[in-house]
N, C-alpha and C. Protein backbone atom coordinates (compact mmCIF):
# COMPACT_ATOMS: atom_id res chain seq x y z
N MET A 1 20.30 -36.03 -13.53
CA MET A 1 19.28 -36.23 -12.51
C MET A 1 19.22 -35.05 -11.56
N SER A 2 20.38 -34.50 -11.16
CA SER A 2 20.37 -33.35 -10.25
C SER A 2 19.78 -32.11 -10.91
N ASP A 3 19.93 -31.97 -12.25
CA ASP A 3 19.31 -30.85 -12.95
C ASP A 3 17.79 -30.91 -12.84
N GLN A 4 17.23 -32.12 -12.94
CA GLN A 4 15.79 -32.28 -12.80
C GLN A 4 15.35 -31.92 -11.39
N MET A 5 16.13 -32.30 -10.39
CA MET A 5 15.81 -31.97 -9.00
C MET A 5 15.83 -30.46 -8.79
N ASP A 6 16.84 -29.79 -9.37
CA ASP A 6 16.92 -28.34 -9.23
C ASP A 6 15.72 -27.67 -9.88
N ASP A 7 15.30 -28.14 -11.05
CA ASP A 7 14.14 -27.58 -11.73
C ASP A 7 12.87 -27.76 -10.90
N ARG A 8 12.70 -28.92 -10.29
CA ARG A 8 11.51 -29.18 -9.46
C ARG A 8 11.51 -28.30 -8.22
N SER A 9 12.69 -28.14 -7.59
CA SER A 9 12.74 -27.31 -6.38
C SER A 9 12.50 -25.85 -6.71
N LEU A 10 12.97 -25.38 -7.88
CA LEU A 10 12.70 -24.00 -8.29
C LEU A 10 11.22 -23.81 -8.56
N LYS A 11 10.57 -24.78 -9.23
CA LYS A 11 9.13 -24.69 -9.48
C LYS A 11 8.36 -24.71 -8.18
N GLY A 12 8.82 -25.48 -7.22
CA GLY A 12 8.17 -25.52 -5.91
C GLY A 12 8.26 -24.17 -5.21
N GLN A 13 9.41 -23.51 -5.36
CA GLN A 13 9.58 -22.19 -4.76
C GLN A 13 8.70 -21.15 -5.45
N ASP A 14 8.47 -21.30 -6.75
CA ASP A 14 7.62 -20.37 -7.49
C ASP A 14 6.18 -20.41 -7.00
N ALA A 15 5.76 -21.53 -6.40
CA ALA A 15 4.39 -21.67 -5.93
C ALA A 15 4.20 -21.04 -4.55
N ILE A 16 5.28 -20.64 -3.91
CA ILE A 16 5.19 -20.01 -2.59
C ILE A 16 4.87 -18.53 -2.76
N PRO A 17 3.79 -18.03 -2.14
CA PRO A 17 3.47 -16.60 -2.27
C PRO A 17 4.58 -15.73 -1.66
N ARG A 18 4.91 -14.67 -2.34
CA ARG A 18 5.93 -13.71 -1.90
C ARG A 18 5.36 -12.31 -2.01
N TRP A 19 5.96 -11.38 -1.31
CA TRP A 19 5.56 -9.97 -1.38
C TRP A 19 6.35 -9.28 -2.49
N TYR A 20 5.65 -8.47 -3.27
CA TYR A 20 6.26 -7.67 -4.33
C TYR A 20 5.85 -6.22 -4.11
N VAL A 21 6.56 -5.30 -4.74
CA VAL A 21 6.26 -3.88 -4.60
C VAL A 21 5.62 -3.38 -5.89
N ILE A 22 4.56 -2.61 -5.71
CA ILE A 22 3.90 -1.96 -6.85
C ILE A 22 4.16 -0.47 -6.75
N GLN A 23 4.59 0.13 -7.85
CA GLN A 23 4.73 1.57 -7.92
C GLN A 23 3.41 2.11 -8.47
N CYS A 24 2.87 3.11 -7.77
CA CYS A 24 1.57 3.68 -8.13
C CYS A 24 1.75 5.01 -8.83
N LYS A 25 0.72 5.40 -9.55
CA LYS A 25 0.71 6.72 -10.17
C LYS A 25 0.64 7.76 -9.06
N GLY A 26 1.09 8.98 -9.34
CA GLY A 26 1.17 10.04 -8.34
C GLY A 26 -0.12 10.24 -7.56
N GLY A 27 -0.05 10.08 -6.25
CA GLY A 27 -1.18 10.32 -5.38
C GLY A 27 -2.31 9.31 -5.49
N GLU A 28 -2.08 8.17 -6.13
CA GLU A 28 -3.15 7.20 -6.34
C GLU A 28 -2.91 5.87 -5.65
N SER A 29 -2.08 5.85 -4.62
CA SER A 29 -1.80 4.58 -3.95
C SER A 29 -3.03 4.05 -3.22
N PHE A 30 -3.86 4.94 -2.66
CA PHE A 30 -5.08 4.48 -1.99
C PHE A 30 -6.04 3.86 -3.01
N ARG A 31 -6.17 4.51 -4.16
CA ARG A 31 -7.04 3.99 -5.23
C ARG A 31 -6.53 2.63 -5.71
N ALA A 32 -5.23 2.53 -5.94
CA ALA A 32 -4.66 1.27 -6.41
C ALA A 32 -4.90 0.15 -5.39
N ALA A 33 -4.67 0.44 -4.11
CA ALA A 33 -4.89 -0.57 -3.06
C ALA A 33 -6.34 -1.03 -3.04
N GLU A 34 -7.26 -0.09 -3.17
CA GLU A 34 -8.69 -0.43 -3.16
C GLU A 34 -9.06 -1.31 -4.36
N HIS A 35 -8.62 -0.93 -5.55
CA HIS A 35 -8.98 -1.67 -6.75
C HIS A 35 -8.33 -3.06 -6.78
N LEU A 36 -7.07 -3.16 -6.33
CA LEU A 36 -6.42 -4.46 -6.27
C LEU A 36 -7.12 -5.37 -5.25
N GLY A 37 -7.50 -4.79 -4.11
CA GLY A 37 -8.24 -5.55 -3.10
C GLY A 37 -9.58 -6.04 -3.63
N ASN A 38 -10.27 -5.19 -4.41
CA ASN A 38 -11.55 -5.59 -5.01
C ASN A 38 -11.38 -6.74 -6.00
N GLN A 39 -10.20 -6.87 -6.57
CA GLN A 39 -9.92 -7.96 -7.52
C GLN A 39 -9.48 -9.24 -6.81
N GLY A 40 -9.39 -9.19 -5.48
CA GLY A 40 -9.06 -10.38 -4.71
C GLY A 40 -7.59 -10.54 -4.37
N TYR A 41 -6.77 -9.55 -4.67
CA TYR A 41 -5.35 -9.63 -4.34
C TYR A 41 -5.14 -9.27 -2.87
N GLN A 42 -4.13 -9.89 -2.25
CA GLN A 42 -3.74 -9.53 -0.89
C GLN A 42 -2.78 -8.34 -0.99
N VAL A 43 -3.22 -7.18 -0.48
CA VAL A 43 -2.46 -5.94 -0.61
C VAL A 43 -2.16 -5.41 0.78
N PHE A 44 -0.98 -4.85 0.95
CA PHE A 44 -0.60 -4.17 2.19
C PHE A 44 -0.14 -2.77 1.82
N HIS A 45 -0.84 -1.78 2.34
CA HIS A 45 -0.54 -0.37 2.06
C HIS A 45 -0.31 0.32 3.41
N PRO A 46 0.93 0.33 3.90
CA PRO A 46 1.18 0.92 5.22
C PRO A 46 0.94 2.43 5.22
N VAL A 47 0.22 2.89 6.25
CA VAL A 47 -0.11 4.31 6.36
C VAL A 47 0.27 4.83 7.74
N LEU A 48 0.40 6.14 7.83
CA LEU A 48 0.66 6.84 9.08
C LEU A 48 -0.54 7.71 9.41
N GLN A 49 -0.85 7.84 10.68
CA GLN A 49 -1.86 8.78 11.13
C GLN A 49 -1.12 10.08 11.46
N VAL A 50 -1.47 11.16 10.78
CA VAL A 50 -0.80 12.44 11.01
C VAL A 50 -1.83 13.52 11.28
N GLN A 51 -1.41 14.52 12.03
CA GLN A 51 -2.26 15.67 12.29
C GLN A 51 -1.91 16.75 11.29
N LYS A 52 -2.95 17.31 10.69
CA LYS A 52 -2.77 18.42 9.76
C LYS A 52 -3.73 19.52 10.13
N LYS A 53 -3.34 20.72 9.81
CA LYS A 53 -4.18 21.86 10.10
C LYS A 53 -5.03 22.14 8.86
N ARG A 54 -6.36 22.10 9.03
CA ARG A 54 -7.29 22.41 7.95
C ARG A 54 -8.31 23.42 8.45
N ARG A 55 -8.39 24.50 7.74
CA ARG A 55 -9.31 25.59 8.11
C ARG A 55 -9.14 25.98 9.58
N GLY A 56 -7.89 26.05 10.01
CA GLY A 56 -7.59 26.52 11.36
C GLY A 56 -7.74 25.47 12.45
N LYS A 57 -8.14 24.26 12.11
CA LYS A 57 -8.32 23.20 13.11
C LYS A 57 -7.40 22.03 12.78
N LEU A 58 -6.92 21.39 13.83
CA LEU A 58 -6.10 20.20 13.63
C LEU A 58 -7.01 19.00 13.47
N CYS A 59 -6.72 18.19 12.47
CA CYS A 59 -7.51 16.96 12.28
C CYS A 59 -6.55 15.85 11.87
N TRP A 60 -7.00 14.62 12.09
CA TRP A 60 -6.19 13.45 11.77
C TRP A 60 -6.46 13.04 10.33
N SER A 61 -5.41 12.60 9.65
CA SER A 61 -5.57 12.05 8.30
C SER A 61 -4.53 10.95 8.11
N GLU A 62 -4.78 10.12 7.10
CA GLU A 62 -3.86 9.03 6.79
C GLU A 62 -2.99 9.43 5.61
N GLU A 63 -1.71 9.15 5.73
CA GLU A 63 -0.77 9.35 4.63
C GLU A 63 0.01 8.07 4.44
N PRO A 64 0.36 7.74 3.20
CA PRO A 64 1.14 6.52 2.97
C PRO A 64 2.52 6.60 3.61
N LEU A 65 2.94 5.50 4.21
CA LEU A 65 4.30 5.43 4.77
C LEU A 65 5.32 5.52 3.65
N PHE A 66 5.02 4.88 2.51
CA PHE A 66 5.87 4.94 1.33
C PHE A 66 5.03 5.55 0.20
N PRO A 67 5.08 6.88 0.01
CA PRO A 67 4.28 7.48 -1.06
C PRO A 67 4.62 6.83 -2.40
N TYR A 68 3.60 6.56 -3.17
CA TYR A 68 3.69 5.96 -4.51
C TYR A 68 3.95 4.45 -4.51
N TYR A 69 3.99 3.79 -3.34
CA TYR A 69 4.29 2.36 -3.33
C TYR A 69 3.34 1.60 -2.39
N LEU A 70 3.09 0.34 -2.73
CA LEU A 70 2.37 -0.58 -1.86
C LEU A 70 2.87 -1.99 -2.12
N PHE A 71 2.50 -2.91 -1.25
CA PHE A 71 2.96 -4.30 -1.35
C PHE A 71 1.80 -5.18 -1.80
N ILE A 72 2.11 -6.21 -2.59
CA ILE A 72 1.12 -7.18 -3.04
C ILE A 72 1.73 -8.57 -2.89
N ARG A 73 0.89 -9.53 -2.45
CA ARG A 73 1.37 -10.90 -2.23
C ARG A 73 0.92 -11.77 -3.40
N LEU A 74 1.90 -12.35 -4.10
CA LEU A 74 1.64 -13.16 -5.29
C LEU A 74 2.54 -14.37 -5.31
N ASP A 75 2.12 -15.40 -6.03
CA ASP A 75 3.05 -16.48 -6.34
C ASP A 75 3.17 -16.57 -7.85
N ARG A 76 4.22 -17.18 -8.32
CA ARG A 76 4.51 -17.20 -9.76
C ARG A 76 3.72 -18.27 -10.52
N VAL A 77 3.01 -19.15 -9.80
CA VAL A 77 2.31 -20.23 -10.47
C VAL A 77 0.81 -19.94 -10.57
N ALA A 78 0.14 -19.72 -9.43
CA ALA A 78 -1.32 -19.64 -9.41
C ALA A 78 -1.86 -18.22 -9.56
N SER A 79 -1.09 -17.21 -9.20
CA SER A 79 -1.60 -15.83 -9.24
C SER A 79 -1.73 -15.33 -10.68
N ASN A 80 -2.79 -14.57 -10.91
CA ASN A 80 -3.01 -13.96 -12.21
C ASN A 80 -2.36 -12.57 -12.20
N TRP A 81 -1.24 -12.42 -12.87
CA TRP A 81 -0.45 -11.19 -12.86
C TRP A 81 -0.96 -10.18 -13.89
N ARG A 82 -1.69 -10.63 -14.90
CA ARG A 82 -2.07 -9.76 -16.02
C ARG A 82 -2.88 -8.53 -15.63
N PRO A 83 -3.92 -8.66 -14.80
CA PRO A 83 -4.75 -7.47 -14.52
C PRO A 83 -4.06 -6.40 -13.67
N ILE A 84 -2.96 -6.74 -13.04
CA ILE A 84 -2.32 -5.79 -12.11
C ILE A 84 -1.89 -4.52 -12.84
N ARG A 85 -1.21 -4.66 -13.95
CA ARG A 85 -0.67 -3.51 -14.69
C ARG A 85 -1.76 -2.55 -15.16
N SER A 86 -2.96 -3.09 -15.47
CA SER A 86 -4.03 -2.22 -15.98
C SER A 86 -4.99 -1.76 -14.89
N THR A 87 -4.69 -2.06 -13.63
CA THR A 87 -5.53 -1.62 -12.53
C THR A 87 -5.39 -0.12 -12.31
N ARG A 88 -6.50 0.55 -12.04
CA ARG A 88 -6.47 1.99 -11.82
C ARG A 88 -5.51 2.35 -10.69
N GLY A 89 -4.65 3.31 -10.94
CA GLY A 89 -3.69 3.77 -9.95
C GLY A 89 -2.34 3.08 -9.99
N VAL A 90 -2.26 1.92 -10.66
CA VAL A 90 -1.00 1.16 -10.72
C VAL A 90 -0.15 1.65 -11.88
N LEU A 91 1.12 1.88 -11.62
CA LEU A 91 2.07 2.23 -12.68
C LEU A 91 2.81 0.98 -13.17
N LYS A 92 3.43 0.23 -12.21
CA LYS A 92 4.17 -0.98 -12.59
C LYS A 92 4.56 -1.78 -11.36
N LEU A 93 4.94 -3.02 -11.59
CA LEU A 93 5.57 -3.84 -10.56
C LEU A 93 7.05 -3.49 -10.56
N VAL A 94 7.63 -3.33 -9.39
CA VAL A 94 9.04 -2.94 -9.28
C VAL A 94 9.92 -4.17 -9.47
N GLY A 95 10.94 -4.03 -10.31
CA GLY A 95 11.87 -5.13 -10.55
C GLY A 95 12.95 -4.70 -11.52
N PHE A 96 13.67 -5.67 -12.05
CA PHE A 96 14.68 -5.42 -13.07
C PHE A 96 14.14 -5.91 -14.40
N GLY A 97 14.02 -5.01 -15.36
CA GLY A 97 13.46 -5.38 -16.66
C GLY A 97 12.03 -5.84 -16.51
N ASP A 98 11.73 -7.01 -17.05
CA ASP A 98 10.38 -7.57 -16.95
C ASP A 98 10.24 -8.53 -15.78
N ASP A 99 11.26 -8.64 -14.95
CA ASP A 99 11.25 -9.60 -13.85
C ASP A 99 11.01 -8.89 -12.51
N PRO A 100 9.78 -8.98 -11.96
CA PRO A 100 9.53 -8.37 -10.64
C PRO A 100 10.36 -9.05 -9.57
N LEU A 101 10.87 -8.27 -8.64
CA LEU A 101 11.70 -8.81 -7.56
C LEU A 101 10.90 -8.90 -6.27
N PRO A 102 10.94 -10.05 -5.61
CA PRO A 102 10.23 -10.16 -4.32
C PRO A 102 10.96 -9.38 -3.23
N VAL A 103 10.19 -8.97 -2.24
CA VAL A 103 10.71 -8.27 -1.06
C VAL A 103 10.87 -9.31 0.03
N GLU A 104 11.85 -9.13 0.88
CA GLU A 104 12.04 -10.05 2.00
C GLU A 104 10.78 -10.08 2.86
N ASP A 105 10.30 -11.28 3.15
CA ASP A 105 9.10 -11.44 3.98
C ASP A 105 9.27 -10.80 5.35
N LEU A 106 10.47 -10.85 5.90
CA LEU A 106 10.73 -10.30 7.23
C LEU A 106 10.43 -8.80 7.26
N LEU A 107 10.80 -8.07 6.22
CA LEU A 107 10.53 -6.63 6.16
C LEU A 107 9.04 -6.36 6.23
N VAL A 108 8.27 -7.04 5.41
CA VAL A 108 6.82 -6.82 5.38
C VAL A 108 6.18 -7.31 6.69
N ASP A 109 6.67 -8.41 7.24
CA ASP A 109 6.14 -8.90 8.52
C ASP A 109 6.32 -7.88 9.63
N VAL A 110 7.49 -7.23 9.67
CA VAL A 110 7.74 -6.19 10.68
C VAL A 110 6.77 -5.02 10.49
N LEU A 111 6.58 -4.60 9.24
CA LEU A 111 5.65 -3.50 8.96
C LEU A 111 4.22 -3.88 9.32
N LEU A 112 3.82 -5.11 9.00
CA LEU A 112 2.47 -5.57 9.34
C LEU A 112 2.26 -5.61 10.85
N GLU A 113 3.26 -6.09 11.57
CA GLU A 113 3.16 -6.16 13.03
C GLU A 113 3.03 -4.76 13.63
N LYS A 114 3.84 -3.85 13.16
CA LYS A 114 3.79 -2.46 13.66
C LYS A 114 2.44 -1.82 13.33
N ALA A 115 1.92 -2.07 12.14
CA ALA A 115 0.63 -1.50 11.74
C ALA A 115 -0.49 -2.06 12.60
N SER A 116 -0.46 -3.35 12.93
CA SER A 116 -1.52 -3.93 13.74
C SER A 116 -1.47 -3.43 15.19
N ARG A 117 -0.26 -3.17 15.70
CA ARG A 117 -0.13 -2.63 17.07
C ARG A 117 -0.66 -1.22 17.16
N GLU A 118 -0.43 -0.42 16.09
CA GLU A 118 -0.80 0.99 16.13
C GLU A 118 -2.18 1.27 15.59
N ALA A 119 -2.90 0.24 15.14
CA ALA A 119 -4.22 0.46 14.56
C ALA A 119 -5.14 1.11 15.58
N GLY A 120 -5.71 2.22 15.20
CA GLY A 120 -6.67 2.91 16.06
C GLY A 120 -6.05 3.77 17.14
N THR A 121 -4.73 3.85 17.22
CA THR A 121 -4.12 4.69 18.25
C THR A 121 -3.53 5.93 17.60
N HIS A 122 -3.65 7.02 18.31
CA HIS A 122 -3.06 8.28 17.87
C HIS A 122 -2.05 8.72 18.92
N GLU A 123 -0.97 9.29 18.47
CA GLU A 123 -0.09 9.95 19.43
C GLU A 123 -0.83 11.19 19.90
N THR A 124 -0.51 11.67 21.11
CA THR A 124 -1.24 12.83 21.59
C THR A 124 -1.01 14.04 20.71
N ASN A 125 0.18 14.20 20.18
CA ASN A 125 0.44 15.33 19.30
C ASN A 125 1.60 14.99 18.40
N VAL A 126 1.37 15.10 17.09
CA VAL A 126 2.47 14.91 16.15
C VAL A 126 2.69 16.16 15.34
N TYR A 127 1.87 17.17 15.56
CA TYR A 127 2.00 18.39 14.78
C TYR A 127 3.04 19.33 15.39
N PHE A 128 3.00 19.50 16.72
CA PHE A 128 3.98 20.34 17.40
C PHE A 128 4.82 19.47 18.32
N ARG A 129 6.07 19.85 18.50
CA ARG A 129 6.99 19.14 19.38
C ARG A 129 7.33 20.03 20.57
N ALA A 130 7.57 19.42 21.72
CA ALA A 130 7.95 20.17 22.92
C ALA A 130 9.21 20.97 22.64
N GLY A 131 9.21 22.23 23.05
CA GLY A 131 10.36 23.11 22.85
C GLY A 131 10.32 23.89 21.55
N GLU A 132 9.37 23.60 20.70
CA GLU A 132 9.27 24.26 19.40
C GLU A 132 8.66 25.67 19.58
N ILE A 133 9.17 26.62 18.81
CA ILE A 133 8.64 28.00 18.84
C ILE A 133 7.38 28.04 17.98
N VAL A 134 6.29 28.54 18.55
CA VAL A 134 5.03 28.66 17.84
C VAL A 134 4.53 30.10 17.95
N GLU A 135 3.62 30.44 17.06
CA GLU A 135 2.99 31.76 17.11
C GLU A 135 1.51 31.58 17.42
N ILE A 136 0.99 32.39 18.31
CA ILE A 136 -0.42 32.36 18.64
C ILE A 136 -1.14 33.19 17.58
N THR A 137 -2.15 32.60 16.94
CA THR A 137 -2.80 33.25 15.78
C THR A 137 -4.14 33.90 16.12
N GLU A 138 -4.71 33.60 17.27
CA GLU A 138 -6.02 34.14 17.64
C GLU A 138 -6.03 34.56 19.10
N GLY A 139 -6.99 35.40 19.47
CA GLY A 139 -7.19 35.78 20.86
C GLY A 139 -6.34 36.96 21.29
N PRO A 140 -6.35 37.24 22.60
CA PRO A 140 -5.66 38.42 23.12
C PRO A 140 -4.13 38.37 22.98
N PHE A 141 -3.57 37.18 22.78
CA PHE A 141 -2.12 37.05 22.64
C PHE A 141 -1.72 36.84 21.18
N ARG A 142 -2.60 37.21 20.29
CA ARG A 142 -2.37 37.05 18.85
C ARG A 142 -1.05 37.69 18.43
N ALA A 143 -0.32 37.03 17.53
CA ALA A 143 0.94 37.47 16.95
C ALA A 143 2.12 37.38 17.92
N LEU A 144 1.91 36.85 19.12
CA LEU A 144 3.03 36.66 20.05
C LEU A 144 3.61 35.26 19.87
N GLN A 145 4.92 35.16 20.08
CA GLN A 145 5.58 33.87 19.99
C GLN A 145 5.65 33.25 21.38
N ALA A 146 5.57 31.91 21.39
CA ALA A 146 5.63 31.16 22.64
C ALA A 146 6.38 29.86 22.36
N VAL A 147 6.67 29.14 23.43
CA VAL A 147 7.33 27.85 23.32
C VAL A 147 6.28 26.77 23.61
N PHE A 148 6.12 25.84 22.67
CA PHE A 148 5.15 24.76 22.87
C PHE A 148 5.68 23.84 23.95
N GLU A 149 4.84 23.57 24.98
CA GLU A 149 5.26 22.68 26.06
C GLU A 149 4.61 21.31 25.93
N SER A 150 3.28 21.27 25.82
CA SER A 150 2.59 19.98 25.72
C SER A 150 1.17 20.19 25.25
N GLN A 151 0.51 19.08 24.96
CA GLN A 151 -0.88 19.15 24.56
C GLN A 151 -1.73 18.66 25.71
N LYS A 152 -2.85 19.31 25.93
CA LYS A 152 -3.76 18.95 27.01
C LYS A 152 -5.07 18.52 26.36
N GLY A 153 -5.28 17.23 26.25
CA GLY A 153 -6.44 16.73 25.54
C GLY A 153 -6.23 16.87 24.04
N GLU A 154 -7.33 16.79 23.27
CA GLU A 154 -7.20 16.86 21.82
C GLU A 154 -7.21 18.29 21.30
N GLU A 155 -7.86 19.20 22.01
CA GLU A 155 -8.08 20.54 21.48
C GLU A 155 -7.25 21.64 22.14
N ARG A 156 -6.62 21.36 23.27
CA ARG A 156 -5.92 22.41 24.01
C ARG A 156 -4.42 22.11 24.10
N ALA A 157 -3.64 23.18 24.25
CA ALA A 157 -2.18 23.05 24.36
C ALA A 157 -1.68 23.97 25.47
N ILE A 158 -0.57 23.59 26.06
CA ILE A 158 0.12 24.42 27.06
C ILE A 158 1.34 25.03 26.35
N VAL A 159 1.43 26.36 26.40
CA VAL A 159 2.59 27.05 25.84
C VAL A 159 3.22 27.92 26.91
N LEU A 160 4.50 28.22 26.72
CA LEU A 160 5.21 29.11 27.64
C LEU A 160 5.37 30.45 26.93
N LEU A 161 4.78 31.48 27.53
CA LEU A 161 4.79 32.81 26.95
C LEU A 161 5.65 33.71 27.83
N ASN A 162 6.56 34.45 27.23
CA ASN A 162 7.45 35.33 27.99
C ASN A 162 6.72 36.65 28.27
N MET A 163 6.29 36.84 29.51
CA MET A 163 5.60 38.08 29.91
C MET A 163 6.25 38.60 31.19
N LEU A 164 6.52 39.89 31.19
CA LEU A 164 7.12 40.54 32.36
C LEU A 164 8.41 39.84 32.78
N HIS A 165 9.22 39.47 31.81
CA HIS A 165 10.54 38.85 32.01
C HIS A 165 10.47 37.49 32.71
N GLN A 166 9.33 36.85 32.61
CA GLN A 166 9.18 35.49 33.15
C GLN A 166 8.37 34.66 32.17
N GLN A 167 8.64 33.37 32.16
CA GLN A 167 7.83 32.49 31.32
C GLN A 167 6.56 32.11 32.08
N GLN A 168 5.44 32.38 31.44
CA GLN A 168 4.14 32.06 32.02
C GLN A 168 3.51 30.91 31.24
N ARG A 169 2.94 29.96 31.96
CA ARG A 169 2.23 28.85 31.30
C ARG A 169 0.85 29.36 30.89
N LEU A 170 0.50 29.06 29.65
CA LEU A 170 -0.77 29.54 29.10
C LEU A 170 -1.43 28.39 28.36
N GLU A 171 -2.73 28.21 28.58
CA GLU A 171 -3.48 27.17 27.89
C GLU A 171 -4.25 27.82 26.75
N VAL A 172 -4.04 27.32 25.54
CA VAL A 172 -4.69 27.89 24.35
C VAL A 172 -5.21 26.75 23.46
N PRO A 173 -6.19 27.04 22.59
CA PRO A 173 -6.62 26.01 21.64
C PRO A 173 -5.47 25.66 20.68
N VAL A 174 -5.30 24.39 20.40
CA VAL A 174 -4.24 23.94 19.50
C VAL A 174 -4.41 24.57 18.12
N GLY A 175 -5.65 24.75 17.69
CA GLY A 175 -5.93 25.35 16.39
C GLY A 175 -5.49 26.80 16.29
N ASP A 176 -5.20 27.44 17.41
CA ASP A 176 -4.76 28.84 17.41
C ASP A 176 -3.23 28.96 17.37
N LEU A 177 -2.54 27.87 17.10
CA LEU A 177 -1.07 27.89 17.04
C LEU A 177 -0.59 27.55 15.65
N ARG A 178 0.55 28.13 15.29
CA ARG A 178 1.21 27.73 14.04
C ARG A 178 2.72 27.81 14.24
N ARG A 179 3.41 27.03 13.45
CA ARG A 179 4.88 27.03 13.54
C ARG A 179 5.43 28.37 13.08
N CYS A 180 6.54 28.74 13.66
CA CYS A 180 7.24 29.96 13.23
C CYS A 180 8.25 29.64 12.17
């Protein structure tokens, strides 16, 4: 009788949706998330907002928090697992052998909470850090090294330039700086 109870409780647990990890093909995690979402799956693809320099200007872009991986919520009873493997961008479900392993709900809940708090917010500067040595690439101080102090708005930065044996504060476009 207890064996039957154990079987029923295990089947009941199989019906509870859990988070699983999908490994994506190289550089295709955004594509995989989009296609899985279009098929009706609940997908979580945590991303970071980062500043990158493109054509001399700093711009914001999204990068995956876990390159090549995303989370999908499935249950073992009602979810259709078959189309996942053949979805564009998907390599496989992560697990041991043919048995996908669920991820702790608490881990994904923490990531979801953090993502919802940071949605739409940018740090003032993630490209340069205070105290970092930078080189000025344009203007009258071109090719001189300075110490990055802070960012002033989105396009301007304050740097400390050593002139006449003293550090002088100088405001320059952020796009005119590069790491040394």
